[in-house]
């Protein structure tokens, strides 16, 4: 594996932790916490993928 890409694996547990803590601070029932945490995790991952694609496109245009 490329050493430069290894750091990106830390993104997944970080996104899970952020999603769970944020959702737990907003809701009481465990069902709502999990549902909203999954939704927020999806949004974070989607944002990071789109951002990565845009940056790769910008980088290859130069």
PDB file of N, CA and C in Angstrom:
ATOM      1  N   UNK A   1       0.844  -1.182   0.000  1.00  0.00           N
ATOM      2  CA  UNK A   1       0.000   0.000   0.000  1.00  0.00           C
ATOM      3  C   UNK A   1       0.885   1.241   0.000  1.00  0.00           C
ATOM      4  N   UNK A   2       0.422   2.256  -0.649  1.00  0.00           N
ATOM      5  CA  UNK A   2       1.140   3.517  -0.710  1.00  0.00           C
ATOM      6  C   UNK A   2       1.128   4.177   0.670  1.00  0.00           C
ATOM      7  N   UNK A   3       2.288   4.579   1.155  1.00  0.00           N
ATOM      8  CA  UNK A   3       2.393   5.171   2.488  1.00  0.00           C
ATOM      9  C   UNK A   3       1.615   6.476   2.591  1.00  0.00           C
ATOM     10  N   UNK A   4       1.512   7.215   1.503  1.00  0.00           N
ATOM     11  CA  UNK A   4       0.796   8.487   1.518  1.00  0.00           C
ATOM     12  C   UNK A   4      -0.705   8.313   1.653  1.00  0.00           C
ATOM     13  N   UNK A   5      -1.231   7.190   1.219  1.00  0.00           N
ATOM     14  CA  UNK A   5      -2.674   6.955   1.300  1.00  0.00           C
ATOM     15  C   UNK A   5      -3.089   6.293   2.602  1.00  0.00           C
ATOM     16  N   UNK A   6      -2.146   5.784   3.370  1.00  0.00           N
ATOM     17  CA  UNK A   6      -2.456   5.091   4.615  1.00  0.00           C
ATOM     18  C   UNK A   6      -3.168   5.965   5.632  1.00  0.00           C
ATOM     19  N   UNK A   7      -2.882   7.234   5.626  1.00  0.00           N
ATOM     20  CA  UNK A   7      -3.493   8.142   6.600  1.00  0.00           C
ATOM     21  C   UNK A   7      -5.001   8.295   6.359  1.00  0.00           C
ATOM     22  N   UNK A   8      -5.449   8.061   5.137  1.00  0.00           N
ATOM     23  CA  UNK A   8      -6.870   8.226   4.832  1.00  0.00           C
ATOM     24  C   UNK A   8      -7.741   7.171   5.493  1.00  0.00           C
ATOM     25  N   UNK A   9      -7.153   6.053   5.930  1.00  0.00           N
ATOM     26  CA  UNK A   9      -7.939   5.026   6.634  1.00  0.00           C
ATOM     27  C   UNK A   9      -8.390   5.525   8.005  1.00  0.00           C
ATOM     28  N   UNK A  10      -7.734   6.535   8.551  1.00  0.00           N
ATOM     29  CA  UNK A  10      -8.162   7.108   9.828  1.00  0.00           C
ATOM     30  C   UNK A  10      -9.447   7.913   9.675  1.00  0.00           C
ATOM     31  N   UNK A  11      -9.794   8.251   8.442  1.00  0.00           N
ATOM     32  CA  UNK A  11     -10.999   9.034   8.191  1.00  0.00           C
ATOM     33  C   UNK A  11     -12.270   8.283   8.588  1.00  0.00           C
ATOM     34  N   UNK A  12     -12.336   6.994   8.305  1.00  0.00           N
ATOM     35  CA  UNK A  12     -13.562   6.239   8.572  1.00  0.00           C
ATOM     36  C   UNK A  12     -13.918   6.187  10.061  1.00  0.00           C
ATOM     37  N   UNK A  13     -13.003   5.773  10.955  1.00  0.00           N
ATOM     38  CA  UNK A  13     -13.372   5.786  12.377  1.00  0.00           C
ATOM     39  C   UNK A  13     -13.652   7.192  12.909  1.00  0.00           C
ATOM     40  N   UNK A  14     -12.945   8.181  12.371  1.00  0.00           N
ATOM     41  CA  UNK A  14     -13.190   9.555  12.789  1.00  0.00           C
ATOM     42  C   UNK A  14     -14.584  10.009  12.388  1.00  0.00           C
ATOM     43  N   UNK A  15     -15.006   9.688  11.172  1.00  0.00           N
ATOM     44  CA  UNK A  15     -16.349  10.047  10.707  1.00  0.00           C
ATOM     45  C   UNK A  15     -17.415   9.330  11.523  1.00  0.00           C
ATOM     46  N   UNK A  16     -17.180   8.071  11.887  1.00  0.00           N
ATOM     47  CA  UNK A  16     -18.131   7.329  12.720  1.00  0.00           C
ATOM     48  C   UNK A  16     -18.245   7.989  14.093  1.00  0.00           C
ATOM     49  N   UNK A  17     -17.111   8.324  14.687  1.00  0.00           N
ATOM     50  CA  UNK A  17     -17.125   8.945  16.014  1.00  0.00           C
ATOM     51  C   UNK A  17     -17.827  10.298  15.994  1.00  0.00           C
ATOM     52  N   UNK A  18     -17.534  11.112  15.003  1.00  0.00           N
ATOM     53  CA  UNK A  18     -18.174  12.423  14.886  1.00  0.00           C
ATOM     54  C   UNK A  18     -19.683  12.261  14.734  1.00  0.00           C
ATOM     55  N   UNK A  19     -20.099  11.337  13.890  1.00  0.00           N
ATOM     56  CA  UNK A  19     -21.527  11.116  13.650  1.00  0.00           C
ATOM     57  C   UNK A  19     -22.249  10.668  14.909  1.00  0.00           C
ATOM     58  N   UNK A  20     -21.654   9.727  15.623  1.00  0.00           N
ATOM     59  CA  UNK A  20     -22.299   9.219  16.836  1.00  0.00           C
ATOM     60  C   UNK A  20     -22.374  10.279  17.935  1.00  0.00           C
ATOM     61  N   UNK A  21     -21.291  10.988  18.156  1.00  0.00           N
ATOM     62  CA  UNK A  21     -21.284  12.002  19.216  1.00  0.00           C
ATOM     63  C   UNK A  21     -22.254  13.135  18.888  1.00  0.00           C
ATOM     64  N   UNK A  22     -22.243  13.592  17.653  1.00  0.00           N
ATOM     65  CA  UNK A  22     -23.147  14.676  17.273  1.00  0.00           C
ATOM     66  C   UNK A  22     -24.603  14.233  17.403  1.00  0.00           C
ATOM     67  N   UNK A  23     -24.918  13.036  16.927  1.00  0.00           N
ATOM     68  CA  UNK A  23     -26.298  12.547  16.999  1.00  0.00           C
ATOM     69  C   UNK A  23     -26.731  12.298  18.443  1.00  0.00           C
ATOM     70  N   UNK A  24     -25.823  11.792  19.259  1.00  0.00           N
ATOM     71  CA  UNK A  24     -26.158  11.534  20.656  1.00  0.00           C
ATOM     72  C   UNK A  24     -26.393  12.830  21.421  1.00  0.00           C
ATOM     73  N   UNK A  25     -25.746  13.905  20.993  1.00  0.00           N
ATOM     74  CA  UNK A  25     -25.948  15.177  21.678  1.00  0.00           C
ATOM     75  C   UNK A  25     -27.267  15.840  21.275  1.00  0.00           C
ATOM     76  N   UNK A  26     -27.881  15.355  20.208  1.00  0.00           N
ATOM     77  CA  UNK A  26     -29.121  15.945  19.718  1.00  0.00           C
ATOM     78  C   UNK A  26     -30.367  15.128  20.045  1.00  0.00           C
ATOM     79  N   UNK A  27     -30.214  13.820  20.271  1.00  0.00           N
ATOM     80  CA  UNK A  27     -31.367  12.945  20.448  1.00  0.00           C
ATOM     81  C   UNK A  27     -31.190  12.054  21.669  1.00  0.00           C
ATOM     82  N   UNK A  28     -32.301  11.594  22.239  1.00  0.00           N
ATOM     83  CA  UNK A  28     -32.279  10.711  23.402  1.00  0.00           C
ATOM     84  C   UNK A  28     -32.443   9.240  23.040  1.00  0.00           C
ATOM     85  N   UNK A  29     -33.474   8.855  22.269  1.00  0.00           N
ATOM     86  CA  UNK A  29     -33.674   7.435  21.995  1.00  0.00           C
ATOM     87  C   UNK A  29     -32.559   6.862  21.117  1.00  0.00           C
ATOM     88  N   UNK A  30     -32.131   5.636  21.450  1.00  0.00           N
ATOM     89  CA  UNK A  30     -31.017   5.017  20.735  1.00  0.00           C
ATOM     90  C   UNK A  30     -31.336   4.813  19.254  1.00  0.00           C
ATOM     91  N   UNK A  31     -32.581   4.535  18.936  1.00  0.00           N
ATOM     92  CA  UNK A  31     -32.965   4.346  17.538  1.00  0.00           C
ATOM     93  C   UNK A  31     -32.753   5.603  16.714  1.00  0.00           C
ATOM     94  N   UNK A  32     -33.138   6.717  17.281  1.00  0.00           N
ATOM     95  CA  UNK A  32     -32.945   7.998  16.589  1.00  0.00           C
ATOM     96  C   UNK A  32     -31.466   8.344  16.466  1.00  0.00           C
ATOM     97  N   UNK A  33     -30.700   8.033  17.506  1.00  0.00           N
ATOM     98  CA  UNK A  33     -29.262   8.314  17.477  1.00  0.00           C
ATOM     99  C   UNK A  33     -28.603   7.547  16.339  1.00  0.00           C
ATOM    100  N   UNK A  34     -28.911   6.253  16.247  1.00  0.00           N
ATOM    101  CA  UNK A  34     -28.285   5.416  15.218  1.00  0.00           C
ATOM    102  C   UNK A  34     -28.719   5.854  13.821  1.00  0.00           C
ATOM    103  N   UNK A  35     -30.014   6.108  13.651  1.00  0.00           N
ATOM    104  CA  UNK A  35     -30.526   6.538  12.345  1.00  0.00           C
ATOM    105  C   UNK A  35     -29.860   7.829  11.883  1.00  0.00           C
ATOM    106  N   UNK A  36     -29.832   8.800  12.760  1.00  0.00           N
ATOM    107  CA  UNK A  36     -29.235  10.092  12.395  1.00  0.00           C
ATOM    108  C   UNK A  36     -27.716   9.997  12.245  1.00  0.00           C
ATOM    109  N   UNK A  37     -27.087   9.144  13.035  1.00  0.00           N
ATOM    110  CA  UNK A  37     -25.641   8.960  12.901  1.00  0.00           C
ATOM    111  C   UNK A  37     -25.304   8.342  11.544  1.00  0.00           C
ATOM    112  N   UNK A  38     -26.088   7.371  11.104  1.00  0.00           N
ATOM    113  CA  UNK A  38     -25.856   6.763   9.786  1.00  0.00           C
ATOM    114  C   UNK A  38     -26.068   7.782   8.672  1.00  0.00           C
ATOM    115  N   UNK A  39     -27.100   8.586   8.812  1.00  0.00           N
ATOM    116  CA  UNK A  39     -27.378   9.613   7.799  1.00  0.00           C
ATOM    117  C   UNK A  39     -26.236  10.634   7.751  1.00  0.00           C
ATOM    118  N   UNK A  40     -25.780  11.078   8.911  1.00  0.00           N
ATOM    119  CA  UNK A  40     -24.685  12.045   8.965  1.00  0.00           C
ATOM    120  C   UNK A  40     -23.387  11.429   8.447  1.00  0.00           C
ATOM    121  N   UNK A  41     -23.129  10.171   8.775  1.00  0.00           N
ATOM    122  CA  UNK A  41     -21.940   9.487   8.270  1.00  0.00           C
ATOM    123  C   UNK A  41     -21.958   9.451   6.744  1.00  0.00           C
ATOM    124  N   UNK A  42     -23.098   9.152   6.173  1.00  0.00           N
ATOM    125  CA  UNK A  42     -23.230   9.144   4.713  1.00  0.00           C
ATOM    126  C   UNK A  42     -22.960  10.509   4.114  1.00  0.00           C
ATOM    127  N   UNK A  43     -23.472  11.550   4.760  1.00  0.00           N
ATOM    128  CA  UNK A  43     -23.244  12.907   4.262  1.00  0.00           C
ATOM    129  C   UNK A  43     -21.763  13.287   4.333  1.00  0.00           C
ATOM    130  N   UNK A  44     -21.103  12.914   5.432  1.00  0.00           N
ATOM    131  CA  UNK A  44     -19.678  13.223   5.587  1.00  0.00           C
ATOM    132  C   UNK A  44     -18.858  12.500   4.528  1.00  0.00           C
ATOM    133  N   UNK A  45     -19.139  11.211   4.332  1.00  0.00           N
ATOM    134  CA  UNK A  45     -18.400  10.431   3.335  1.00  0.00           C
ATOM    135  C   UNK A  45     -18.643  10.986   1.934  1.00  0.00           C
ATOM    136  N   UNK A  46     -19.891  11.306   1.619  1.00  0.00           N
ATOM    137  CA  UNK A  46     -20.202  11.858   0.292  1.00  0.00           C
ATOM    138  C   UNK A  46     -19.471  13.179   0.075  1.00  0.00           C
ATOM    139  N   UNK A  47     -19.468  14.035   1.081  1.00  0.00           N
ATOM    140  CA  UNK A  47     -18.775  15.315   0.973  1.00  0.00           C
ATOM    141  C   UNK A  47     -17.284  15.103   0.746  1.00  0.00           C
ATOM    142  N   UNK A  48     -16.689  14.176   1.473  1.00  0.00           N
ATOM    143  CA  UNK A  48     -15.260  13.916   1.319  1.00  0.00           C
ATOM    144  C   UNK A  48     -14.937  13.335  -0.059  1.00  0.00           C
ATOM    145  N   UNK A  49     -15.800  12.481  -0.586  1.00  0.00           N
ATOM    146  CA  UNK A  49     -15.574  11.917  -1.919  1.00  0.00           C
ATOM    147  C   UNK A  49     -15.666  13.001  -2.983  1.00  0.00           C
ATOM    148  N   UNK A  50     -16.703  13.836  -2.895  1.00  0.00           N
ATOM    149  CA  UNK A  50     -16.859  14.921  -3.871  1.00  0.00           C
ATOM    150  C   UNK A  50     -15.683  15.888  -3.780  1.00  0.00           C
ATOM    151  N   UNK A  51     -15.280  16.234  -2.580  1.00  0.00           N
ATOM    152  CA  UNK A  51     -14.151  17.141  -2.393  1.00  0.00           C
ATOM    153  C   UNK A  51     -12.871  16.543  -2.972  1.00  0.00           C
ATOM    154  N   UNK A  52     -12.650  15.262  -2.733  1.00  0.00           N
ATOM    155  CA  UNK A  52     -11.463  14.596  -3.264  1.00  0.00           C
ATOM    156  C   UNK A  52     -11.468  14.596  -4.787  1.00  0.00           C
ATOM    157  N   UNK A  53     -12.609  14.318  -5.381  1.00  0.00           N
ATOM    158  CA  UNK A  53     -12.716  14.311  -6.848  1.00  0.00           C
ATOM    159  C   UNK A  53     -12.436  15.693  -7.415  1.00  0.00           C
ATOM    160  N   UNK A  54     -13.014  16.722  -6.800  1.00  0.00           N
ATOM    161  CA  UNK A  54     -12.785  18.092  -7.278  1.00  0.00           C
ATOM    162  C   UNK A  54     -11.305  18.455  -7.167  1.00  0.00           C
ATOM    163  N   UNK A  55     -10.689  18.124  -6.057  1.00  0.00           N
ATOM    164  CA  UNK A  55      -9.275  18.443  -5.893  1.00  0.00           C
ATOM    165  C   UNK A  55      -8.396  17.663  -6.871  1.00  0.00           C
ATOM    166  N   UNK A  56      -8.745  16.410  -7.140  1.00  0.00           N
ATOM    167  CA  UNK A  56      -7.993  15.632  -8.124  1.00  0.00           C
ATOM    168  C   UNK A  56      -8.142  16.236  -9.524  1.00  0.00           C
ATOM    169  N   UNK A  57      -9.349  16.688  -9.846  1.00  0.00           N
ATOM    170  CA  UNK A  57      -9.569  17.323 -11.148  1.00  0.00           C
ATOM    171  C   UNK A  57      -8.781  18.613 -11.279  1.00  0.00           C
ATOM    172  N   UNK A  58      -8.772  19.388 -10.216  1.00  0.00           N
ATOM    173  CA  UNK A  58      -8.005  20.638 -10.229  1.00  0.00           C
ATOM    174  C   UNK A  58      -6.523  20.333 -10.362  1.00  0.00           C
ATOM    175  N   UNK A  59      -6.063  19.327  -9.663  1.00  0.00           N
ATOM    176  CA  UNK A  59      -4.638  18.979  -9.675  1.00  0.00           C
ATOM    177  C   UNK A  59      -4.192  18.455 -11.042  1.00  0.00           C
ATOM    178  N   UNK A  60      -5.049  17.746 -11.742  1.00  0.00           N
ATOM    179  CA  UNK A  60      -4.658  17.201 -13.033  1.00  0.00           C
ATOM    180  C   UNK A  60      -4.792  18.228 -14.159  1.00  0.00           C
ATOM    181  N   UNK A  61      -5.472  19.329 -13.913  1.00  0.00           N
ATOM    182  CA  UNK A  61      -5.636  20.374 -14.926  1.00  0.00           C
ATOM    183  C   UNK A  61      -4.377  21.219 -15.071  1.00  0.00           C
ATOM    184  N   UNK A  62      -3.559  21.234 -14.063  1.00  0.00           N
ATOM    185  CA  UNK A  62      -2.362  22.088 -14.061  1.00  0.00           C
ATOM    186  C   UNK A  62      -1.276  21.520 -14.916  1.00  0.00           C
TER     187      UNK A  62
END
